[in-house]
Structures are given as C-alpha cells and as structure tokens.
Amino acid sequence: MDQTTKTPRGKAQLASHPRKPRVVWVIARAVAQHGKERQLRSLLRRMVAPTHAEQGCLIYDLYESEWPGKFYFYELWASRRDLHRHATSSHFQRMLQALPEFAVDSLEVTFLNKLNL
C-alpha cells in the first residue's frame, strides 16, 4: 500500500519512493554517401556484436531501409548510464571517427518516449 503525506494545504500526496531506473529507447540513423553503401553497412554491422555484450544493452538491432543506404539502429538500454557507457566505448568511438568517410552526415540519434504504457 502506498503511503501518503499531507502537504501544507492539507491535501494528500503520495510519499516519494526511490524510482527504479527507466529504460531508454533510441533510434539512430546513418545515411551512406552515394557509392559508399557497402562500406557503411560493414562499419555499422561491426557495432552489433560488441554492443550486445555491453552491460545494460537490452536490444541493439541494425536495419536497412527499402531504399539502400539508409541504416537504423533500434536500441533499448536499461538506463541512461548504460547508454552513456556505450557512447563512450572504444568501438563506438572508432565508428564515429570512421563515419564521415562513408556517411552523408553525422549519426542522427533520437530518444523515444513510449506512449502505450
């Protein structure tokens, strides 16, 4: 049962409880330069295995759109701390350094809020 406390105006409110960490949903997109689709695909594929081994990685899947050269990572992380650890990992940093050679722009990262909770 939830505990309640009284506010100064006498209205009940739920007592604060430590929150469990919220999962983090991410979609990241990379678009290949013309003629560099194969190289970018290879670079991004090399991210999957080491990332799956990371602490807090719940989902890390790579997709290519029906239009060749548009790649998407669909990710689920146990916490923001785990995602930050991923973003500072050596394999992620190597990928970021190599990306300009094959991609039109930098990696576009979008954080998602799940609405059907």
PDB file of N, CA and C in Angstrom:
ATOM      1  N   MET A   1       0.831  -1.173   0.000  1.00  0.00           N
ATOM      2  CA  MET A   1       0.000   0.000   0.000  1.00  0.00           C
ATOM      3  C   MET A   1       0.878   1.239   0.000  1.00  0.00           C
ATOM      4  N   ASP A   2       0.495   2.244  -0.790  1.00  0.00           N
ATOM      5  CA  ASP A   2       1.262   3.480  -0.851  1.00  0.00           C
ATOM      6  C   ASP A   2       1.051   4.292   0.414  1.00  0.00           C
ATOM      7  N   GLN A   3       2.117   4.934   0.851  1.00  0.00           N
ATOM      8  CA  GLN A   3       2.000   5.828   1.995  1.00  0.00           C
ATOM      9  C   GLN A   3       1.686   7.219   1.475  1.00  0.00           C
ATOM     10  N   THR A   4       0.902   7.952   2.210  1.00  0.00           N
ATOM     11  CA  THR A   4       0.605   9.329   1.827  1.00  0.00           C
ATOM     12  C   THR A   4       1.095  10.263   2.903  1.00  0.00           C
ATOM     13  N   THR A   5       1.380  11.485   2.481  1.00  0.00           N
ATOM     14  CA  THR A   5       1.749  12.534   3.420  1.00  0.00           C
ATOM     15  C   THR A   5       0.848  13.726   3.145  1.00  0.00           C
ATOM     16  N   LYS A   6       0.787  14.635   4.093  1.00  0.00           N
ATOM     17  CA  LYS A   6      -0.034  15.837   3.926  1.00  0.00           C
ATOM     18  C   LYS A   6       0.852  16.990   3.467  1.00  0.00           C
ATOM     19  N   THR A   7       0.367  17.726   2.490  1.00  0.00           N
ATOM     20  CA  THR A   7       1.056  18.929   2.042  1.00  0.00           C
ATOM     21  C   THR A   7       0.676  20.057   2.977  1.00  0.00           C
ATOM     22  N   PRO A   8       1.336  21.205   2.917  1.00  0.00           N
ATOM     23  CA  PRO A   8       0.981  22.327   3.798  1.00  0.00           C
ATOM     24  C   PRO A   8      -0.489  22.725   3.707  1.00  0.00           C
ATOM     25  N   ARG A   9      -1.129  22.527   2.583  1.00  0.00           N
ATOM     26  CA  ARG A   9      -2.535  22.893   2.455  1.00  0.00           C
ATOM     27  C   ARG A   9      -3.459  21.747   2.853  1.00  0.00           C
ATOM     28  N   GLY A  10      -2.886  20.662   3.336  1.00  0.00           N
ATOM     29  CA  GLY A  10      -3.692  19.573   3.831  1.00  0.00           C
ATOM     30  C   GLY A  10      -4.122  18.558   2.786  1.00  0.00           C
ATOM     31  N   LYS A  11      -3.672  18.689   1.544  1.00  0.00           N
ATOM     32  CA  LYS A  11      -4.039  17.722   0.517  1.00  0.00           C
ATOM     33  C   LYS A  11      -3.087  16.536   0.572  1.00  0.00           C
ATOM     34  N   ALA A  12      -3.642  15.377   0.377  1.00  0.00           N
ATOM     35  CA  ALA A  12      -2.815  14.170   0.415  1.00  0.00           C
ATOM     36  C   ALA A  12      -1.993  14.051  -0.860  1.00  0.00           C
ATOM     37  N   GLN A  13      -0.795  13.545  -0.717  1.00  0.00           N
ATOM     38  CA  GLN A  13       0.036  13.234  -1.873  1.00  0.00           C
ATOM     39  C   GLN A  13       0.807  11.968  -1.555  1.00  0.00           C
ATOM     40  N   LEU A  14       1.203  11.259  -2.599  1.00  0.00           N
ATOM     41  CA  LEU A  14       1.966  10.040  -2.384  1.00  0.00           C
ATOM     42  C   LEU A  14       3.346  10.387  -1.862  1.00  0.00           C
ATOM     43  N   ALA A  15       3.799   9.623  -0.882  1.00  0.00           N
ATOM     44  CA  ALA A  15       5.152   9.807  -0.372  1.00  0.00           C
ATOM     45  C   ALA A  15       6.139   9.425  -1.462  1.00  0.00           C
ATOM     46  N   SER A  16       7.242  10.130  -1.506  1.00  0.00           N
ATOM     47  CA  SER A  16       8.212   9.826  -2.561  1.00  0.00           C
ATOM     48  C   SER A  16       8.920   8.512  -2.248  1.00  0.00           C
ATOM     49  N   HIS A  17       9.056   7.726  -3.288  1.00  0.00           N
ATOM     50  CA  HIS A  17       9.777   6.462  -3.209  1.00  0.00           C
ATOM     51  C   HIS A  17      10.887   6.512  -4.237  1.00  0.00           C
ATOM     52  N   PRO A  18      11.990   5.862  -3.943  1.00  0.00           N
ATOM     53  CA  PRO A  18      13.054   5.860  -4.950  1.00  0.00           C
ATOM     54  C   PRO A  18      12.530   5.238  -6.247  1.00  0.00           C
ATOM     55  N   ARG A  19      12.769   5.918  -7.351  1.00  0.00           N
ATOM     56  CA  ARG A  19      12.331   5.401  -8.642  1.00  0.00           C
ATOM     57  C   ARG A  19      13.320   4.371  -9.151  1.00  0.00           C
ATOM     58  N   LYS A  20      12.795   3.352  -9.792  1.00  0.00           N
ATOM     59  CA  LYS A  20      13.719   2.443 -10.450  1.00  0.00           C
ATOM     60  C   LYS A  20      14.110   3.095 -11.772  1.00  0.00           C
ATOM     61  N   PRO A  21      15.317   2.842 -12.243  1.00  0.00           N
ATOM     62  CA  PRO A  21      15.767   3.475 -13.484  1.00  0.00           C
ATOM     63  C   PRO A  21      14.834   3.133 -14.643  1.00  0.00           C
ATOM     64  N   ARG A  22      14.543   4.134 -15.458  1.00  0.00           N
ATOM     65  CA  ARG A  22      13.695   3.928 -16.626  1.00  0.00           C
ATOM     66  C   ARG A  22      14.548   3.469 -17.793  1.00  0.00           C
ATOM     67  N   VAL A  23      13.981   2.584 -18.579  1.00  0.00           N
ATOM     68  CA  VAL A  23      14.694   2.138 -19.771  1.00  0.00           C
ATOM     69  C   VAL A  23      14.751   3.288 -20.767  1.00  0.00           C
ATOM     70  N   VAL A  24      15.704   3.214 -21.681  1.00  0.00           N
ATOM     71  CA  VAL A  24      15.919   4.267 -22.669  1.00  0.00           C
ATOM     72  C   VAL A  24      15.786   3.657 -24.055  1.00  0.00           C
ATOM     73  N   TRP A  25      14.826   4.176 -24.840  1.00  0.00           N
ATOM     74  CA  TRP A  25      14.599   3.743 -26.215  1.00  0.00           C
ATOM     75  C   TRP A  25      15.281   4.735 -27.144  1.00  0.00           C
ATOM     76  N   VAL A  26      15.985   4.204 -28.153  1.00  0.00           N
ATOM     77  CA  VAL A  26      16.732   5.057 -29.071  1.00  0.00           C
ATOM     78  C   VAL A  26      16.579   4.525 -30.490  1.00  0.00           C
ATOM     79  N   ILE A  27      16.487   5.457 -31.436  1.00  0.00           N
ATOM     80  CA  ILE A  27      16.662   5.125 -32.848  1.00  0.00           C
ATOM     81  C   ILE A  27      17.784   6.015 -33.348  1.00  0.00           C
ATOM     82  N   ALA A  28      18.776   5.403 -33.965  1.00  0.00           N
ATOM     83  CA  ALA A  28      19.895   6.156 -34.533  1.00  0.00           C
ATOM     84  C   ALA A  28      19.930   5.881 -36.031  1.00  0.00           C
ATOM     85  N   ARG A  29      20.155   6.938 -36.824  1.00  0.00           N
ATOM     86  CA  ARG A  29      20.114   6.810 -38.273  1.00  0.00           C
ATOM     87  C   ARG A  29      21.420   7.295 -38.890  1.00  0.00           C
ATOM     88  N   ALA A  30      21.868   6.548 -39.895  1.00  0.00           N
ATOM     89  CA  ALA A  30      23.030   6.950 -40.686  1.00  0.00           C
ATOM     90  C   ALA A  30      22.676   6.749 -42.158  1.00  0.00           C
ATOM     91  N   VAL A  31      23.069   7.713 -42.989  1.00  0.00           N
ATOM     92  CA  VAL A  31      22.788   7.655 -44.427  1.00  0.00           C
ATOM     93  C   VAL A  31      24.109   7.637 -45.171  1.00  0.00           C
ATOM     94  N   ALA A  32      24.259   6.655 -46.057  1.00  0.00           N
ATOM     95  CA  ALA A  32      25.503   6.469 -46.792  1.00  0.00           C
ATOM     96  C   ALA A  32      25.677   7.511 -47.892  1.00  0.00           C
ATOM     97  N   GLN A  33      26.915   7.890 -48.123  1.00  0.00           N
ATOM     98  CA  GLN A  33      27.246   8.678 -49.303  1.00  0.00           C
ATOM     99  C   GLN A  33      27.004   7.797 -50.522  1.00  0.00           C
ATOM    100  N   HIS A  34      26.692   8.420 -51.655  1.00  0.00           N
ATOM    101  CA  HIS A  34      26.459   7.661 -52.882  1.00  0.00           C
ATOM    102  C   HIS A  34      27.693   6.803 -53.202  1.00  0.00           C
ATOM    103  N   GLY A  35      27.462   5.523 -53.414  1.00  0.00           N
ATOM    104  CA  GLY A  35      28.553   4.605 -53.729  1.00  0.00           C
ATOM    105  C   GLY A  35      29.273   4.051 -52.515  1.00  0.00           C
ATOM    106  N   LYS A  36      28.896   4.475 -51.309  1.00  0.00           N
ATOM    107  CA  LYS A  36      29.565   4.026 -50.072  1.00  0.00           C
ATOM    108  C   LYS A  36      28.649   3.159 -49.211  1.00  0.00           C
ATOM    109  N   GLU A  37      27.547   2.673 -49.796  1.00  0.00           N
ATOM    110  CA  GLU A  37      26.565   1.897 -49.032  1.00  0.00           C
ATOM    111  C   GLU A  37      27.186   0.635 -48.427  1.00  0.00           C
ATOM    112  N   ARG A  38      27.944  -0.085 -49.214  1.00  0.00           N
ATOM    113  CA  ARG A  38      28.550  -1.342 -48.744  1.00  0.00           C
ATOM    114  C   ARG A  38      29.507  -1.087 -47.583  1.00  0.00           C
ATOM    115  N   GLN A  39      30.330  -0.059 -47.699  1.00  0.00           N
ATOM    116  CA  GLN A  39      31.299   0.248 -46.646  1.00  0.00           C
ATOM    117  C   GLN A  39      30.606   0.678 -45.355  1.00  0.00           C
ATOM    118  N   LEU A  40      29.562   1.503 -45.479  1.00  0.00           N
ATOM    119  CA  LEU A  40      28.849   1.929 -44.276  1.00  0.00           C
ATOM    120  C   LEU A  40      28.130   0.747 -43.632  1.00  0.00           C
ATOM    121  N   ARG A  41      27.520  -0.101 -44.441  1.00  0.00           N
ATOM    122  CA  ARG A  41      26.849  -1.307 -43.913  1.00  0.00           C
ATOM    123  C   ARG A  41      27.842  -2.145 -43.104  1.00  0.00           C
ATOM    124  N   SER A  42      29.032  -2.337 -43.648  1.00  0.00           N
ATOM    125  CA  SER A  42      30.059  -3.126 -42.968  1.00  0.00           C
ATOM    126  C   SER A  42      30.491  -2.469 -41.655  1.00  0.00           C
ATOM    127  N   LEU A  43      30.711  -1.164 -41.690  1.00  0.00           N
ATOM    128  CA  LEU A  43      31.107  -0.429 -40.482  1.00  0.00           C
ATOM    129  C   LEU A  43      30.056  -0.572 -39.382  1.00  0.00           C
ATOM    130  N   LEU A  44      28.802  -0.397 -39.749  1.00  0.00           N
ATOM    131  CA  LEU A  44      27.732  -0.460 -38.752  1.00  0.00           C
ATOM    132  C   LEU A  44      27.501  -1.876 -38.240  1.00  0.00           C
ATOM    133  N   ARG A  45      27.627  -2.857 -39.111  1.00  0.00           N
ATOM    134  CA  ARG A  45      27.476  -4.260 -38.666  1.00  0.00           C
ATOM    135  C   ARG A  45      28.501  -4.623 -37.603  1.00  0.00           C
ATOM    136  N   ARG A  46      29.692  -4.056 -37.706  1.00  0.00           N
ATOM    137  CA  ARG A  46      30.741  -4.352 -36.722  1.00  0.00           C
ATOM    138  C   ARG A  46      30.416  -3.810 -35.334  1.00  0.00           C
ATOM    139  N   MET A  47      29.397  -2.990 -35.219  1.00  0.00           N
ATOM    140  CA  MET A  47      28.980  -2.453 -33.922  1.00  0.00           C
ATOM    141  C   MET A  47      28.119  -3.444 -33.144  1.00  0.00           C
ATOM    142  N   VAL A  48      27.433  -4.329 -33.836  1.00  0.00           N
ATOM    143  CA  VAL A  48      26.386  -5.131 -33.200  1.00  0.00           C
ATOM    144  C   VAL A  48      26.924  -6.094 -32.138  1.00  0.00           C
ATOM    145  N   ALA A  49      27.874  -6.938 -32.470  1.00  0.00           N
ATOM    146  CA  ALA A  49      28.352  -7.943 -31.510  1.00  0.00           C
ATOM    147  C   ALA A  49      28.935  -7.328 -30.236  1.00  0.00           C
ATOM    148  N   PRO A  50      29.870  -6.365 -30.341  1.00  0.00           N
ATOM    149  CA  PRO A  50      30.401  -5.811 -29.087  1.00  0.00           C
ATOM    150  C   PRO A  50      29.356  -5.052 -28.275  1.00  0.00           C
ATOM    151  N   THR A  51      28.393  -4.446 -28.950  1.00  0.00           N
ATOM    152  CA  THR A  51      27.362  -3.717 -28.224  1.00  0.00           C
ATOM    153  C   THR A  51      26.428  -4.670 -27.493  1.00  0.00           C
ATOM    154  N   HIS A  52      26.085  -5.794 -28.124  1.00  0.00           N
ATOM    155  CA  HIS A  52      25.245  -6.791 -27.439  1.00  0.00           C
ATOM    156  C   HIS A  52      25.892  -7.278 -26.142  1.00  0.00           C
ATOM    157  N   ALA A  53      27.213  -7.267 -26.091  1.00  0.00           N
ATOM    158  CA  ALA A  53      27.931  -7.740 -24.908  1.00  0.00           C
ATOM    159  C   ALA A  53      27.997  -6.688 -23.799  1.00  0.00           C
ATOM    160  N   GLU A  54      27.584  -5.465 -24.075  1.00  0.00           N
ATOM    161  CA  GLU A  54      27.682  -4.394 -23.084  1.00  0.00           C
ATOM    162  C   GLU A  54      26.630  -4.538 -21.990  1.00  0.00           C
ATOM    163  N   GLN A  55      27.014  -4.106 -20.799  1.00  0.00           N
ATOM    164  CA  GLN A  55      26.090  -4.081 -19.670  1.00  0.00           C
ATOM    165  C   GLN A  55      24.931  -3.143 -19.997  1.00  0.00           C
ATOM    166  N   GLY A  56      23.712  -3.600 -19.765  1.00  0.00           N
ATOM    167  CA  GLY A  56      22.545  -2.758 -19.939  1.00  0.00           C
ATOM    168  C   GLY A  56      21.971  -2.725 -21.336  1.00  0.00           C
ATOM    169  N   CYS A  57      22.612  -3.403 -22.275  1.00  0.00           N
ATOM    170  CA  CYS A  57      22.081  -3.461 -23.638  1.00  0.00           C
ATOM    171  C   CYS A  57      20.976  -4.513 -23.676  1.00  0.00           C
ATOM    172  N   LEU A  58      19.752  -4.065 -23.902  1.00  0.00           N
ATOM    173  CA  LEU A  58      18.617  -4.979 -23.959  1.00  0.00           C
ATOM    174  C   LEU A  58      18.238  -5.309 -25.403  1.00  0.00           C
ATOM    175  N   ILE A  59      18.326  -4.316 -26.278  1.00  0.00           N
ATOM    176  CA  ILE A  59      18.072  -4.500 -27.712  1.00  0.00           C
ATOM    177  C   ILE A  59      19.050  -3.603 -28.458  1.00  0.00           C
ATOM    178  N   TYR A  60      19.669  -4.135 -29.488  1.00  0.00           N
ATOM    179  CA  TYR A  60      20.536  -3.341 -30.360  1.00  0.00           C
ATOM    180  C   TYR A  60      20.495  -4.015 -31.717  1.00  0.00           C
ATOM    181  N   ASP A  61      19.584  -3.569 -32.553  1.00  0.00           N
ATOM    182  CA  ASP A  61      19.364  -4.183 -33.858  1.00  0.00           C
ATOM    183  C   ASP A  61      19.642  -3.172 -34.955  1.00  0.00           C
ATOM    184  N   LEU A  62      20.251  -3.644 -36.033  1.00  0.00           N
ATOM    185  CA  LEU A  62      20.571  -2.805 -37.182  1.00  0.00           C
ATOM    186  C   LEU A  62      19.635  -3.150 -38.324  1.00  0.00           C
ATOM    187  N   TYR A  63      19.050  -2.122 -38.935  1.00  0.00           N
ATOM    188  CA  TYR A  63      18.136  -2.285 -40.065  1.00  0.00           C
ATOM    189  C   TYR A  63      18.606  -1.415 -41.220  1.00  0.00           C
ATOM    190  N   GLU A  64      18.276  -1.848 -42.429  1.00  0.00           N
ATOM    191  CA  GLU A  64      18.466  -1.010 -43.612  1.00  0.00           C
ATOM    192  C   GLU A  64      17.096  -0.812 -44.241  1.00  0.00           C
ATOM    193  N   SER A  65      16.810   0.411 -44.649  1.00  0.00           N
ATOM    194  CA  SER A  65      15.508   0.698 -45.240  1.00  0.00           C
ATOM    195  C   SER A  65      15.389   0.041 -46.612  1.00  0.00           C
ATOM    196  N   GLU A  66      14.190   0.095 -47.159  1.00  0.00           N
ATOM    197  CA  GLU A  66      13.981  -0.423 -48.515  1.00  0.00           C
ATOM    198  C   GLU A  66      14.804   0.356 -49.524  1.00  0.00           C
ATOM    199  N   TRP A  67      15.113   1.596 -49.199  1.00  0.00           N
ATOM    200  CA  TRP A  67      15.977   2.410 -50.044  1.00  0.00           C
ATOM    201  C   TRP A  67      17.409   2.183 -49.569  1.00  0.00           C
ATOM    202  N   PRO A  68      18.221   1.487 -50.330  1.00  0.00           N
ATOM    203  CA  PRO A  68      19.580   1.148 -49.885  1.00  0.00           C
ATOM    204  C   PRO A  68      20.361   2.374 -49.414  1.00  0.00           C
ATOM    205  N   GLY A  69      21.123   2.153 -48.364  1.00  0.00           N
ATOM    206  CA  GLY A  69      21.998   3.200 -47.855  1.00  0.00           C
ATOM    207  C   GLY A  69      21.459   3.961 -46.664  1.00  0.00           C
ATOM    208  N   LYS A  70      20.233   3.690 -46.260  1.00  0.00           N
ATOM    209  CA  LYS A  70      19.687   4.310 -45.045  1.00  0.00           C
ATOM    210  C   LYS A  70      19.628   3.243 -43.961  1.00  0.00           C
ATOM    211  N   PHE A  71      20.382   3.464 -42.891  1.00  0.00           N
ATOM    212  CA  PHE A  71      20.546   2.467 -41.833  1.00  0.00           C
ATOM    213  C   PHE A  71      19.995   3.008 -40.514  1.00  0.00           C
ATOM    214  N   TYR A  72      19.409   2.106 -39.742  1.00  0.00           N
ATOM    215  CA  TYR A  72      18.794   2.473 -38.470  1.00  0.00           C
ATOM    216  C   TYR A  72      19.193   1.465 -37.390  1.00  0.00           C
ATOM    217  N   PHE A  73      19.641   1.991 -36.266  1.00  0.00           N
ATOM    218  CA  PHE A  73      19.806   1.171 -35.072  1.00  0.00           C
ATOM    219  C   PHE A  73      18.557   1.363 -34.221  1.00  0.00           C
ATOM    220  N   TYR A  74      17.963   0.263 -33.806  1.00  0.00           N
ATOM    221  CA  TYR A  74      16.833   0.277 -32.876  1.00  0.00           C
ATOM    222  C   TYR A  74      17.400  -0.242 -31.568  1.00  0.00           C
ATOM    223  N   GLU A  75      17.357   0.582 -30.517  1.00  0.00           N
ATOM    224  CA  GLU A  75      18.078   0.267 -29.289  1.00  0.00           C
ATOM    225  C   GLU A  75      17.164   0.385 -28.068  1.00  0.00           C
ATOM    226  N   LEU A  76      17.443  -0.464 -27.103  1.00  0.00           N
ATOM    227  CA  LEU A  76      16.811  -0.362 -25.791  1.00  0.00           C
ATOM    228  C   LEU A  76      17.891  -0.584 -24.748  1.00  0.00           C
ATOM    229  N   TRP A  77      18.016   0.393 -23.859  1.00  0.00           N
ATOM    230  CA  TRP A  77      19.031   0.356 -22.809  1.00  0.00           C
ATOM    231  C   TRP A  77      18.362   0.329 -21.448  1.00  0.00           C
ATOM    232  N   ALA A  78      18.972  -0.364 -20.507  1.00  0.00           N
ATOM    233  CA  ALA A  78      18.414  -0.490 -19.163  1.00  0.00           C
ATOM    234  C   ALA A  78      18.395   0.848 -18.423  1.00  0.00           C
ATOM    235  N   SER A  79      19.331   1.743 -18.757  1.00  0.00           N
ATOM    236  CA  SER A  79      19.386   3.051 -18.088  1.00  0.00           C
ATOM    237  C   SER A  79      20.177   4.030 -18.944  1.00  0.00           C
ATOM    238  N   ARG A  80      20.052   5.296 -18.619  1.00  0.00           N
ATOM    239  CA  ARG A  80      20.856   6.329 -19.307  1.00  0.00           C
ATOM    240  C   ARG A  80      22.342   6.116 -19.034  1.00  0.00           C
ATOM    241  N   ARG A  81      22.660   5.650 -17.853  1.00  0.00           N
ATOM    242  CA  ARG A  81      24.062   5.386 -17.526  1.00  0.00           C
ATOM    243  C   ARG A  81      24.634   4.321 -18.467  1.00  0.00           C
ATOM    244  N   ASP A  82      23.854   3.275 -18.749  1.00  0.00           N
ATOM    245  CA  ASP A  82      24.318   2.235 -19.674  1.00  0.00           C
ATOM    246  C   ASP A  82      24.486   2.793 -21.080  1.00  0.00           C
ATOM    247  N   LEU A  83      23.563   3.634 -21.509  1.00  0.00           N
ATOM    248  CA  LEU A  83      23.678   4.253 -22.833  1.00  0.00           C
ATOM    249  C   LEU A  83      24.907   5.153 -22.897  1.00  0.00           C
ATOM    250  N   HIS A  84      25.150   5.914 -21.846  1.00  0.00           N
ATOM    251  CA  HIS A  84      26.338   6.779 -21.806  1.00  0.00           C
ATOM    252  C   HIS A  84      27.622   5.936 -21.887  1.00  0.00           C
ATOM    253  N   ARG A  85      27.630   4.827 -21.175  1.00  0.00           N
ATOM    254  CA  ARG A  85      28.785   3.931 -21.214  1.00  0.00           C
ATOM    255  C   ARG A  85      29.010   3.440 -22.643  1.00  0.00           C
ATOM    256  N   HIS A  86      27.915   3.105 -23.340  1.00  0.00           N
ATOM    257  CA  HIS A  86      28.010   2.668 -24.736  1.00  0.00           C
ATOM    258  C   HIS A  86      28.601   3.783 -25.605  1.00  0.00           C
ATOM    259  N   ALA A  87      28.107   5.000 -25.420  1.00  0.00           N
ATOM    260  CA  ALA A  87      28.552   6.129 -26.245  1.00  0.00           C
ATOM    261  C   ALA A  87      30.022   6.472 -26.028  1.00  0.00           C
ATOM    262  N   THR A  88      30.575   6.056 -24.908  1.00  0.00           N
ATOM    263  CA  THR A  88      31.989   6.325 -24.636  1.00  0.00           C
ATOM    264  C   THR A  88      32.870   5.097 -24.848  1.00  0.00           C
ATOM    265  N   SER A  89      32.274   3.999 -25.308  1.00  0.00           N
ATOM    266  CA  SER A  89      33.047   2.766 -25.534  1.00  0.00           C
ATOM    267  C   SER A  89      34.016   2.943 -26.704  1.00  0.00           C
ATOM    268  N   SER A  90      35.062   2.161 -26.707  1.00  0.00           N
ATOM    269  CA  SER A  90      36.074   2.282 -27.767  1.00  0.00           C
ATOM    270  C   SER A  90      35.495   1.919 -29.134  1.00  0.00           C
ATOM    271  N   HIS A  91      34.646   0.893 -29.224  1.00  0.00           N
ATOM    272  CA  HIS A  91      34.099   0.520 -30.533  1.00  0.00           C
ATOM    273  C   HIS A  91      33.152   1.589 -31.072  1.00  0.00           C
ATOM    274  N   PHE A  92      32.401   2.252 -30.192  1.00  0.00           N
ATOM    275  CA  PHE A  92      31.520   3.326 -30.641  1.00  0.00           C
ATOM    276  C   PHE A  92      32.347   4.527 -31.104  1.00  0.00           C
ATOM    277  N   GLN A  93      33.371   4.860 -30.370  1.00  0.00           N
ATOM    278  CA  GLN A  93      34.231   5.991 -30.740  1.00  0.00           C
ATOM    279  C   GLN A  93      34.947   5.733 -32.068  1.00  0.00           C
ATOM    280  N   ARG A  94      35.393   4.506 -32.298  1.00  0.00           N
ATOM    281  CA  ARG A  94      36.023   4.166 -33.592  1.00  0.00           C
ATOM    282  C   ARG A  94      35.024   4.321 -34.732  1.00  0.00           C
ATOM    283  N   MET A  95      33.781   3.888 -34.500  1.00  0.00           N
ATOM    284  CA  MET A  95      32.751   4.026 -35.520  1.00  0.00           C
ATOM    285  C   MET A  95      32.503   5.502 -35.828  1.00  0.00           C
ATOM    286  N   LEU A  96      32.405   6.333 -34.798  1.00  0.00           N
ATOM    287  CA  LEU A  96      32.185   7.765 -35.017  1.00  0.00           C
ATOM    288  C   LEU A  96      33.317   8.401 -35.816  1.00  0.00           C
ATOM    289  N   GLN A  97      34.545   7.974 -35.567  1.00  0.00           N
ATOM    290  CA  GLN A  97      35.689   8.520 -36.300  1.00  0.00           C
ATOM    291  C   GLN A  97      35.665   8.119 -37.771  1.00  0.00           C
ATOM    292  N   ALA A  98      35.206   6.899 -38.067  1.00  0.00           N
ATOM    293  CA  ALA A  98      35.183   6.403 -39.445  1.00  0.00           C
ATOM    294  C   ALA A  98      33.945   6.872 -40.208  1.00  0.00           C
ATOM    295  N   LEU A  99      32.908   7.250 -39.516  1.00  0.00           N
ATOM    296  CA  LEU A  99      31.623   7.581 -40.136  1.00  0.00           C
ATOM    297  C   LEU A  99      31.705   8.647 -41.232  1.00  0.00           C
ATOM    298  N   PRO A 100      32.431   9.755 -41.054  1.00  0.00           N
ATOM    299  CA  PRO A 100      32.451  10.796 -42.094  1.00  0.00           C
ATOM    300  C   PRO A 100      32.967  10.316 -43.457  1.00  0.00           C
ATOM    301  N   GLU A 101      33.749   9.265 -43.470  1.00  0.00           N
ATOM    302  CA  GLU A 101      34.272   8.731 -44.730  1.00  0.00           C
ATOM    303  C   GLU A 101      33.171   8.072 -45.563  1.00  0.00           C
ATOM    304  N   PHE A 102      32.116   7.578 -44.919  1.00  0.00           N
ATOM    305  CA  PHE A 102      31.085   6.806 -45.611  1.00  0.00           C
ATOM    306  C   PHE A 102      29.684   7.404 -45.526  1.00  0.00           C
ATOM    307  N   ALA A 103      29.431   8.246 -44.544  1.00  0.00           N
ATOM    308  CA  ALA A 103      28.077   8.757 -44.313  1.00  0.00           C
ATOM    309  C   ALA A 103      27.934  10.199 -44.795  1.00  0.00           C
ATOM    310  N   VAL A 104      26.717  10.543 -45.187  1.00  0.00           N
ATOM    311  CA  VAL A 104      26.401  11.893 -45.646  1.00  0.00           C
ATOM    312  C   VAL A 104      26.557  12.894 -44.508  1.00  0.00           C
ATOM    313  N   ASP A 105      26.164  12.524 -43.331  1.00  0.00           N
ATOM    314  CA  ASP A 105      26.153  13.425 -42.190  1.00  0.00           C
ATOM    315  C   ASP A 105      26.527  12.632 -40.948  1.00  0.00           C
ATOM    316  N   SER A 106      26.464  13.269 -39.795  1.00  0.00           N
ATOM    317  CA  SER A 106      26.743  12.558 -38.554  1.00  0.00           C
ATOM    318  C   SER A 106      25.577  11.626 -38.214  1.00  0.00           C
ATOM    319  N   LEU A 107      25.789  10.790 -37.241  1.00  0.00           N
ATOM    320  CA  LEU A 107      24.757   9.878 -36.764  1.00  0.00           C
ATOM    321  C   LEU A 107      23.630  10.704 -36.144  1.00  0.00           C
ATOM    322  N   GLU A 108      22.401  10.475 -36.592  1.00  0.00           N
ATOM    323  CA  GLU A 108      21.242  11.178 -36.033  1.00  0.00           C
ATOM    324  C   GLU A 108      20.637  10.284 -34.956  1.00  0.00           C
ATOM    325  N   VAL A 109      20.622  10.753 -33.728  1.00  0.00           N
ATOM    326  CA  VAL A 109      20.153   9.967 -32.592  1.00  0.00           C
ATOM    327  C   VAL A 109      18.856  10.578 -32.065  1.00  0.00           C
ATOM    328  N   THR A 110      17.824   9.750 -31.930  1.00  0.00           N
ATOM    329  CA  THR A 110      16.536  10.194 -31.425  1.00  0.00           C
ATOM    330  C   THR A 110      16.158   9.366 -30.210  1.00  0.00           C
ATOM    331  N   PHE A 111      15.851  10.045 -29.107  1.00  0.00           N
ATOM    332  CA  PHE A 111      15.361   9.375 -27.907  1.00  0.00           C
ATOM    333  C   PHE A 111      13.853   9.310 -27.992  1.00  0.00           C
ATOM    334  N   LEU A 112      13.293   8.171 -27.631  1.00  0.00           N
ATOM    335  CA  LEU A 112      11.863   7.950 -27.756  1.00  0.00           C
ATOM    336  C   LEU A 112      11.202   7.810 -26.393  1.00  0.00           C
ATOM    337  N   ASN A 113       9.971   8.267 -26.322  1.00  0.00           N
ATOM    338  CA  ASN A 113       9.133   8.052 -25.141  1.00  0.00           C
ATOM    339  C   ASN A 113       8.006   7.117 -25.561  1.00  0.00           C
ATOM    340  N   LYS A 114       7.908   5.999 -24.905  1.00  0.00           N
ATOM    341  CA  LYS A 114       6.868   5.028 -25.215  1.00  0.00           C
ATOM    342  C   LYS A 114       5.532   5.545 -24.714  1.00  0.00           C
ATOM    343  N   LEU A 115       4.557   5.614 -25.604  1.00  0.00           N
ATOM    344  CA  LEU A 115       3.278   6.211 -25.252  1.00  0.00           C
ATOM    345  C   LEU A 115       2.236   5.215 -24.768  1.00  0.00           C
ATOM    346  N   ASN A 116       2.404   3.942 -25.063  1.00  0.00           N
ATOM    347  CA  ASN A 116       1.365   2.970 -24.696  1.00  0.00           C
ATOM    348  C   ASN A 116       1.671   2.293 -23.365  1.00  0.00           C
ATOM    349  N   LEU A 117       2.112   3.047 -22.395  1.00  0.00           N
ATOM    350  CA  LEU A 117       2.395   2.488 -21.055  1.00  0.00           C
ATOM    351  C   LEU A 117       1.170   2.553 -20.191  1.00  0.00           C
TER     352      LEU A 117
END
